[in-house]
PDB file of N, CA and C in Angstrom:
ATOM      1  N   MET A   1     -13.058   5.557   4.409  1.00  0.00           N
ATOM      2  CA  MET A   1     -12.588   6.842   4.853  1.00  0.00           C
ATOM      3  C   MET A   1     -12.836   7.868   3.770  1.00  0.00           C
ATOM      4  N   PRO A   2     -13.538   8.890   4.072  1.00  0.00           N
ATOM      5  CA  PRO A   2     -13.729   9.917   3.058  1.00  0.00           C
ATOM      6  C   PRO A   2     -12.431  10.684   2.824  1.00  0.00           C
ATOM      7  N   ASN A   3     -12.242  11.087   1.597  1.00  0.00           N
ATOM      8  CA  ASN A   3     -11.069  11.852   1.194  1.00  0.00           C
ATOM      9  C   ASN A   3      -9.756  11.132   1.416  1.00  0.00           C
ATOM     10  N   SER A   4      -9.779   9.815   1.482  1.00  0.00           N
ATOM     11  CA  SER A   4      -8.556   9.052   1.666  1.00  0.00           C
ATOM     12  C   SER A   4      -7.806   8.952   0.345  1.00  0.00           C
ATOM     13  N   PRO A   5      -6.488   9.211   0.312  1.00  0.00           N
ATOM     14  CA  PRO A   5      -5.737   9.119  -0.936  1.00  0.00           C
ATOM     15  C   PRO A   5      -5.529   7.676  -1.403  1.00  0.00           C
ATOM     16  N   VAL A   6      -5.710   6.714  -0.498  1.00  0.00           N
ATOM     17  CA  VAL A   6      -5.514   5.317  -0.830  1.00  0.00           C
ATOM     18  C   VAL A   6      -6.862   4.612  -0.807  1.00  0.00           C
ATOM     19  N   PRO A   7      -7.272   3.988  -1.902  1.00  0.00           N
ATOM     20  CA  PRO A   7      -8.556   3.290  -1.900  1.00  0.00           C
ATOM     21  C   PRO A   7      -8.486   2.042  -1.012  1.00  0.00           C
ATOM     22  N   PRO A   8      -9.633   1.600  -0.480  1.00  0.00           N
ATOM     23  CA  PRO A   8      -9.639   0.378   0.321  1.00  0.00           C
ATOM     24  C   PRO A   8      -9.135  -0.797  -0.524  1.00  0.00           C
ATOM     25  N   ARG A   9      -8.583  -1.807   0.142  1.00  0.00           N
ATOM     26  CA  ARG A   9      -8.022  -2.954  -0.559  1.00  0.00           C
ATOM     27  C   ARG A   9      -9.037  -3.706  -1.380  1.00  0.00           C
ATOM     28  N   SER A  10     -10.290  -3.652  -0.978  1.00  0.00           N
ATOM     29  CA  SER A  10     -11.289  -4.388  -1.719  1.00  0.00           C
ATOM     30  C   SER A  10     -11.685  -3.696  -3.027  1.00  0.00           C
ATOM     31  N   THR A  11     -11.244  -2.457  -3.211  1.00  0.00           N
ATOM     32  CA  THR A  11     -11.528  -1.736  -4.448  1.00  0.00           C
ATOM     33  C   THR A  11     -10.559  -2.180  -5.527  1.00  0.00           C
ATOM     34  N   PRO A  12     -11.044  -2.778  -6.622  1.00  0.00           N
ATOM     35  CA  PRO A  12     -10.110  -3.224  -7.665  1.00  0.00           C
ATOM     36  C   PRO A  12      -9.481  -2.043  -8.376  1.00  0.00           C
ATOM     37  N   ARG A  13      -8.202  -2.188  -8.652  1.00  0.00           N
ATOM     38  CA  ARG A  13      -7.479  -1.182  -9.429  1.00  0.00           C
ATOM     39  C   ARG A  13      -6.781  -1.911 -10.551  1.00  0.00           C
ATOM     40  N   PRO A  14      -6.829  -1.375 -11.741  1.00  0.00           N
ATOM     41  CA  PRO A  14      -6.221  -2.074 -12.883  1.00  0.00           C
ATOM     42  C   PRO A  14      -4.714  -2.206 -12.781  1.00  0.00           C
ATOM     43  N   ASP A  15      -4.053  -1.331 -12.016  1.00  0.00           N
ATOM     44  CA  ASP A  15      -2.594  -1.373 -11.937  1.00  0.00           C
ATOM     45  C   ASP A  15      -2.077  -2.161 -10.736  1.00  0.00           C
ATOM     46  N   SER A  16      -2.949  -2.896 -10.059  1.00  0.00           N
ATOM     47  CA  SER A  16      -2.514  -3.633  -8.861  1.00  0.00           C
ATOM     48  C   SER A  16      -2.763  -5.118  -9.027  1.00  0.00           C
ATOM     49  N   GLU A  17      -2.125  -5.881  -8.148  1.00  0.00           N
ATOM     50  CA  GLU A  17      -2.350  -7.325  -8.102  1.00  0.00           C
ATOM     51  C   GLU A  17      -3.738  -7.603  -7.533  1.00  0.00           C
ATOM     52  N   PRO A  18      -4.271  -8.800  -7.790  1.00  0.00           N
ATOM     53  CA  PRO A  18      -5.560  -9.157  -7.194  1.00  0.00           C
ATOM     54  C   PRO A  18      -5.453  -9.173  -5.677  1.00  0.00           C
ATOM     55  N   TYR A  19      -6.571  -8.924  -5.030  1.00  0.00           N
ATOM     56  CA  TYR A  19      -6.594  -8.922  -3.566  1.00  0.00           C
ATOM     57  C   TYR A  19      -6.218 -10.288  -3.013  1.00  0.00           C
ATOM     58  N   ARG A  20      -5.379 -10.275  -1.985  1.00  0.00           N
ATOM     59  CA  ARG A  20      -5.015 -11.503  -1.268  1.00  0.00           C
ATOM     60  C   ARG A  20      -5.310 -11.285   0.212  1.00  0.00           C
ATOM     61  N   ALA A  21      -5.741 -12.336   0.859  1.00  0.00           N
ATOM     62  CA  ALA A  21      -6.049 -12.238   2.299  1.00  0.00           C
ATOM     63  C   ALA A  21      -4.785 -11.847   3.048  1.00  0.00           C
ATOM     64  N   PRO A  22      -4.931 -11.083   4.119  1.00  0.00           N
ATOM     65  CA  PRO A  22      -3.751 -10.691   4.891  1.00  0.00           C
ATOM     66  C   PRO A  22      -3.035 -11.906   5.449  1.00  0.00           C
ATOM     67  N   ARG A  23      -1.721 -11.856   5.462  1.00  0.00           N
ATOM     68  CA  ARG A  23      -0.910 -12.946   6.027  1.00  0.00           C
ATOM     69  C   ARG A  23      -0.644 -12.669   7.484  1.00  0.00           C
ATOM     70  N   PRO A  24      -0.357 -13.703   8.257  1.00  0.00           N
ATOM     71  CA  PRO A  24      -0.031 -13.474   9.672  1.00  0.00           C
ATOM     72  C   PRO A  24       1.187 -12.564   9.788  1.00  0.00           C
ATOM     73  N   ALA A  25       1.295 -11.907  10.924  1.00  0.00           N
ATOM     74  CA  ALA A  25       2.453 -11.040  11.151  1.00  0.00           C
ATOM     75  C   ALA A  25       3.738 -11.828  10.975  1.00  0.00           C
ATOM     76  N   ARG A  26       4.726 -11.204  10.361  1.00  0.00           N
ATOM     77  CA  ARG A  26       5.968 -11.906  10.070  1.00  0.00           C
ATOM     78  C   ARG A  26       6.988 -11.709  11.195  1.00  0.00           C
ATOM     79  N   ASP A  27       6.746 -10.810  12.093  1.00  0.00           N
ATOM     80  CA  ASP A  27       7.647 -10.560  13.208  1.00  0.00           C
ATOM     81  C   ASP A  27       6.783 -10.205  14.402  1.00  0.00           C
ATOM     82  N   GLU A  28       6.706 -11.100  15.361  1.00  0.00           N
ATOM     83  CA  GLU A  28       5.843 -10.847  16.500  1.00  0.00           C
ATOM     84  C   GLU A  28       6.380 -11.570  17.733  1.00  0.00           C
ATOM     85  N   LEU A  29       5.927 -11.157  18.907  1.00  0.00           N
ATOM     86  CA  LEU A  29       6.312 -11.775  20.158  1.00  0.00           C
ATOM     87  C   LEU A  29       5.289 -12.860  20.502  1.00  0.00           C
ATOM     88  N   LYS A  30       5.779 -14.070  20.740  1.00  0.00           N
ATOM     89  CA  LYS A  30       4.910 -15.186  21.123  1.00  0.00           C
ATOM     90  C   LYS A  30       5.262 -15.609  22.539  1.00  0.00           C
ATOM     91  N   ARG A  31       4.258 -15.966  23.295  1.00  0.00           N
ATOM     92  CA  ARG A  31       4.465 -16.415  24.688  1.00  0.00           C
ATOM     93  C   ARG A  31       4.090 -17.890  24.789  1.00  0.00           C
ATOM     94  N   PHE A  32       4.918 -18.629  25.524  1.00  0.00           N
ATOM     95  CA  PHE A  32       4.719 -20.064  25.703  1.00  0.00           C
ATOM     96  C   PHE A  32       4.837 -20.378  27.185  1.00  0.00           C
ATOM     97  N   ALA A  33       4.100 -21.386  27.628  1.00  0.00           N
ATOM     98  CA  ALA A  33       4.219 -21.904  28.989  1.00  0.00           C
ATOM     99  C   ALA A  33       4.830 -23.294  28.865  1.00  0.00           C
ATOM    100  N   HIS A  34       6.135 -23.393  29.126  1.00  0.00           N
ATOM    101  CA  HIS A  34       6.852 -24.676  29.010  1.00  0.00           C
ATOM    102  C   HIS A  34       6.712 -25.443  30.325  1.00  0.00           C
ATOM    103  N   PRO A  35       6.469 -26.750  30.274  1.00  0.00           N
ATOM    104  CA  PRO A  35       6.248 -27.507  31.510  1.00  0.00           C
ATOM    105  C   PRO A  35       7.488 -27.644  32.383  1.00  0.00           C
ATOM    106  N   VAL A  36       8.687 -27.458  31.866  1.00  0.00           N
ATOM    107  CA  VAL A  36       9.916 -27.608  32.651  1.00  0.00           C
ATOM    108  C   VAL A  36      10.502 -26.271  33.075  1.00  0.00           C
ATOM    109  N   VAL A  37      10.641 -25.334  32.158  1.00  0.00           N
ATOM    110  CA  VAL A  37      11.325 -24.059  32.460  1.00  0.00           C
ATOM    111  C   VAL A  37      10.375 -22.897  32.674  1.00  0.00           C
ATOM    112  N   GLY A  38       9.095 -23.091  32.507  1.00  0.00           N
ATOM    113  CA  GLY A  38       8.132 -22.029  32.757  1.00  0.00           C
ATOM    114  C   GLY A  38       7.846 -21.148  31.554  1.00  0.00           C
ATOM    115  N   ASP A  39       7.523 -19.906  31.820  1.00  0.00           N
ATOM    116  CA  ASP A  39       7.098 -18.989  30.767  1.00  0.00           C
ATOM    117  C   ASP A  39       8.265 -18.569  29.882  1.00  0.00           C
ATOM    118  N   LEU A  40       8.002 -18.513  28.596  1.00  0.00           N
ATOM    119  CA  LEU A  40       8.972 -18.059  27.605  1.00  0.00           C
ATOM    120  C   LEU A  40       8.322 -16.978  26.744  1.00  0.00           C
ATOM    121  N   ALA A  41       9.084 -15.941  26.441  1.00  0.00           N
ATOM    122  CA  ALA A  41       8.652 -14.896  25.512  1.00  0.00           C
ATOM    123  C   ALA A  41       9.680 -14.910  24.372  1.00  0.00           C
ATOM    124  N   LEU A  42       9.245 -15.355  23.199  1.00  0.00           N
ATOM    125  CA  LEU A  42      10.153 -15.522  22.068  1.00  0.00           C
ATOM    126  C   LEU A  42       9.692 -14.699  20.878  1.00  0.00           C
ATOM    127  N   ARG A  43      10.642 -14.103  20.192  1.00  0.00           N
ATOM    128  CA  ARG A  43      10.371 -13.343  18.976  1.00  0.00           C
ATOM    129  C   ARG A  43      10.236 -14.342  17.832  1.00  0.00           C
ATOM    130  N   ARG A  44       9.129 -14.279  17.105  1.00  0.00           N
ATOM    131  CA  ARG A  44       8.874 -15.166  15.971  1.00  0.00           C
ATOM    132  C   ARG A  44       9.075 -14.368  14.693  1.00  0.00           C
ATOM    133  N   GLN A  45       9.890 -14.918  13.796  1.00  0.00           N
ATOM    134  CA  GLN A  45      10.102 -14.287  12.499  1.00  0.00           C
ATOM    135  C   GLN A  45       9.824 -15.314  11.414  1.00  0.00           C
ATOM    136  N   ALA A  46       9.124 -14.901  10.395  1.00  0.00           N
ATOM    137  CA  ALA A  46       8.845 -15.765   9.228  1.00  0.00           C
ATOM    138  C   ALA A  46       9.662 -15.226   8.063  1.00  0.00           C
ATOM    139  N   LEU A  47      10.496 -16.064   7.498  1.00  0.00           N
ATOM    140  CA  LEU A  47      11.379 -15.661   6.405  1.00  0.00           C
ATOM    141  C   LEU A  47      11.004 -16.474   5.166  1.00  0.00           C
ATOM    142  N   THR A  48      10.761 -15.783   4.059  1.00  0.00           N
ATOM    143  CA  THR A  48      10.456 -16.496   2.822  1.00  0.00           C
ATOM    144  C   THR A  48      11.747 -16.904   2.137  1.00  0.00           C
ATOM    145  N   VAL A  49      11.673 -17.961   1.381  1.00  0.00           N
ATOM    146  CA  VAL A  49      12.817 -18.489   0.637  1.00  0.00           C
ATOM    147  C   VAL A  49      12.765 -17.884  -0.757  1.00  0.00           C
ATOM    148  N   GLY A  50      13.862 -17.216  -1.171  1.00  0.00           N
ATOM    149  CA  GLY A  50      13.898 -16.596  -2.480  1.00  0.00           C
ATOM    150  C   GLY A  50      13.649 -17.600  -3.592  1.00  0.00           C
ATOM    151  N   GLY A  51      12.727 -17.259  -4.482  1.00  0.00           N
ATOM    152  CA  GLY A  51      12.389 -18.141  -5.591  1.00  0.00           C
ATOM    153  C   GLY A  51      11.354 -19.192  -5.227  1.00  0.00           C
ATOM    154  N   ALA A  52      11.012 -19.281  -3.950  1.00  0.00           N
ATOM    155  CA  ALA A  52      10.003 -20.265  -3.509  1.00  0.00           C
ATOM    156  C   ALA A  52       9.172 -19.620  -2.399  1.00  0.00           C
ATOM    157  N   GLU A  53       8.416 -18.585  -2.756  1.00  0.00           N
ATOM    158  CA  GLU A  53       7.691 -17.807  -1.764  1.00  0.00           C
ATOM    159  C   GLU A  53       6.656 -18.621  -0.986  1.00  0.00           C
ATOM    160  N   GLN A  54       6.295 -19.803  -1.473  1.00  0.00           N
ATOM    161  CA  GLN A  54       5.364 -20.650  -0.741  1.00  0.00           C
ATOM    162  C   GLN A  54       6.043 -21.334   0.439  1.00  0.00           C
ATOM    163  N   GLN A  55       7.374 -21.350   0.447  1.00  0.00           N
ATOM    164  CA  GLN A  55       8.114 -21.972   1.544  1.00  0.00           C
ATOM    165  C   GLN A  55       8.537 -20.882   2.523  1.00  0.00           C
ATOM    166  N   VAL A  56       8.355 -21.157   3.791  1.00  0.00           N
ATOM    167  CA  VAL A  56       8.651 -20.174   4.826  1.00  0.00           C
ATOM    168  C   VAL A  56       9.467 -20.851   5.920  1.00  0.00           C
ATOM    169  N   ILE A  57      10.512 -20.174   6.369  1.00  0.00           N
ATOM    170  CA  ILE A  57      11.303 -20.634   7.512  1.00  0.00           C
ATOM    171  C   ILE A  57      10.838 -19.830   8.725  1.00  0.00           C
ATOM    172  N   ILE A  58      10.450 -20.527   9.790  1.00  0.00           N
ATOM    173  CA  ILE A  58      10.007 -19.870  11.022  1.00  0.00           C
ATOM    174  C   ILE A  58      11.156 -19.963  12.030  1.00  0.00           C
ATOM    175  N   VAL A  59      11.515 -18.814  12.623  1.00  0.00           N
ATOM    176  CA  VAL A  59      12.612 -18.748  13.593  1.00  0.00           C
ATOM    177  C   VAL A  59      12.058 -18.156  14.888  1.00  0.00           C
ATOM    178  N   TYR A  60      12.348 -18.797  16.009  1.00  0.00           N
ATOM    179  CA  TYR A  60      12.009 -18.293  17.329  1.00  0.00           C
ATOM    180  C   TYR A  60      13.294 -17.959  18.051  1.00  0.00           C
ATOM    181  N   GLN A  61      13.361 -16.771  18.677  1.00  0.00           N
ATOM    182  CA  GLN A  61      14.590 -16.337  19.329  1.00  0.00           C
ATOM    183  C   GLN A  61      14.252 -15.557  20.584  1.00  0.00           C
ATOM    184  N   ALA A  62      14.999 -15.844  21.657  1.00  0.00           N
ATOM    185  CA  ALA A  62      14.847 -15.075  22.898  1.00  0.00           C
ATOM    186  C   ALA A  62      15.721 -13.838  22.835  1.00  0.00           C
ATOM    187  N   THR A  63      15.297 -12.809  23.512  1.00  0.00           N
ATOM    188  CA  THR A  63      16.099 -11.581  23.613  1.00  0.00           C
ATOM    189  C   THR A  63      17.342 -11.877  24.466  1.00  0.00           C
ATOM    190  N   ALA A  64      18.482 -11.389  24.006  1.00  0.00           N
ATOM    191  CA  ALA A  64      19.747 -11.621  24.736  1.00  0.00           C
ATOM    192  C   ALA A  64      19.656 -11.089  26.155  1.00  0.00           C
ATOM    193  N   GLY A  65      20.077 -11.923  27.108  1.00  0.00           N
ATOM    194  CA  GLY A  65      20.085 -11.514  28.510  1.00  0.00           C
ATOM    195  C   GLY A  65      18.745 -11.638  29.207  1.00  0.00           C
ATOM    196  N   SER A  66      17.723 -12.096  28.502  1.00  0.00           N
ATOM    197  CA  SER A  66      16.387 -12.180  29.106  1.00  0.00           C
ATOM    198  C   SER A  66      16.202 -13.483  29.887  1.00  0.00           C
ATOM    199  N   PRO A  67      15.196 -13.525  30.767  1.00  0.00           N
ATOM    200  CA  PRO A  67      14.890 -14.784  31.455  1.00  0.00           C
ATOM    201  C   PRO A  67      14.546 -15.898  30.454  1.00  0.00           C
ATOM    202  N   SER A  68      13.976 -15.562  29.333  1.00  0.00           N
ATOM    203  CA  SER A  68      13.652 -16.584  28.323  1.00  0.00           C
ATOM    204  C   SER A  68      14.924 -17.173  27.734  1.00  0.00           C
ATOM    205  N   GLU A  69      15.949 -16.371  27.540  1.00  0.00           N
ATOM    206  CA  GLU A  69      17.217 -16.886  27.032  1.00  0.00           C
ATOM    207  C   GLU A  69      17.817 -17.861  28.037  1.00  0.00           C
ATOM    208  N   ALA A  70      17.785 -17.509  29.313  1.00  0.00           N
ATOM    209  CA  ALA A  70      18.306 -18.394  30.337  1.00  0.00           C
ATOM    210  C   ALA A  70      17.506 -19.691  30.408  1.00  0.00           C
ATOM    211  N   ALA A  71      16.197 -19.591  30.256  1.00  0.00           N
ATOM    212  CA  ALA A  71      15.354 -20.785  30.285  1.00  0.00           C
ATOM    213  C   ALA A  71      15.672 -21.709  29.107  1.00  0.00           C
ATOM    214  N   LEU A  72      15.873 -21.136  27.911  1.00  0.00           N
ATOM    215  CA  LEU A  72      16.231 -21.955  26.750  1.00  0.00           C
ATOM    216  C   LEU A  72      17.584 -22.627  26.947  1.00  0.00           C
ATOM    217  N   ALA A  73      18.520 -21.929  27.582  1.00  0.00           N
ATOM    218  CA  ALA A  73      19.840 -22.501  27.843  1.00  0.00           C
ATOM    219  C   ALA A  73      19.734 -23.704  28.774  1.00  0.00           C
ATOM    220  N   ARG A  74      18.820 -23.645  29.737  1.00  0.00           N
ATOM    221  CA  ARG A  74      18.623 -24.800  30.639  1.00  0.00           C
ATOM    222  C   ARG A  74      18.051 -26.016  29.877  1.00  0.00           C
ATOM    223  N   LEU A  75      17.395 -25.793  28.776  1.00  0.00           N
ATOM    224  CA  LEU A  75      16.852 -26.911  27.997  1.00  0.00           C
ATOM    225  C   LEU A  75      17.911 -27.551  27.091  1.00  0.00           C
ATOM    226  N   ALA A  76      18.980 -26.835  26.807  1.00  0.00           N
ATOM    227  CA  ALA A  76      19.993 -27.333  25.870  1.00  0.00           C
ATOM    228  C   ALA A  76      20.799 -28.479  26.465  1.00  0.00           C
TER     229      ALA A  76
END
């Protein structure tokens, strides 16, 4: 981009960390087709563990009151 105040990520800057490949989205909607309860739309969140950034906890959650929440309840 011409006249951009922020240089592209591939441009090395002495005051920045080395370039790292982009990580997957940490909060996104995932859709599943379950063989018993049908379609599910679940929010996926990736949480890093303090002091151990290589470890990640993945949480899937249905929106309250949604058909996906009711479907998950039928599986419990």
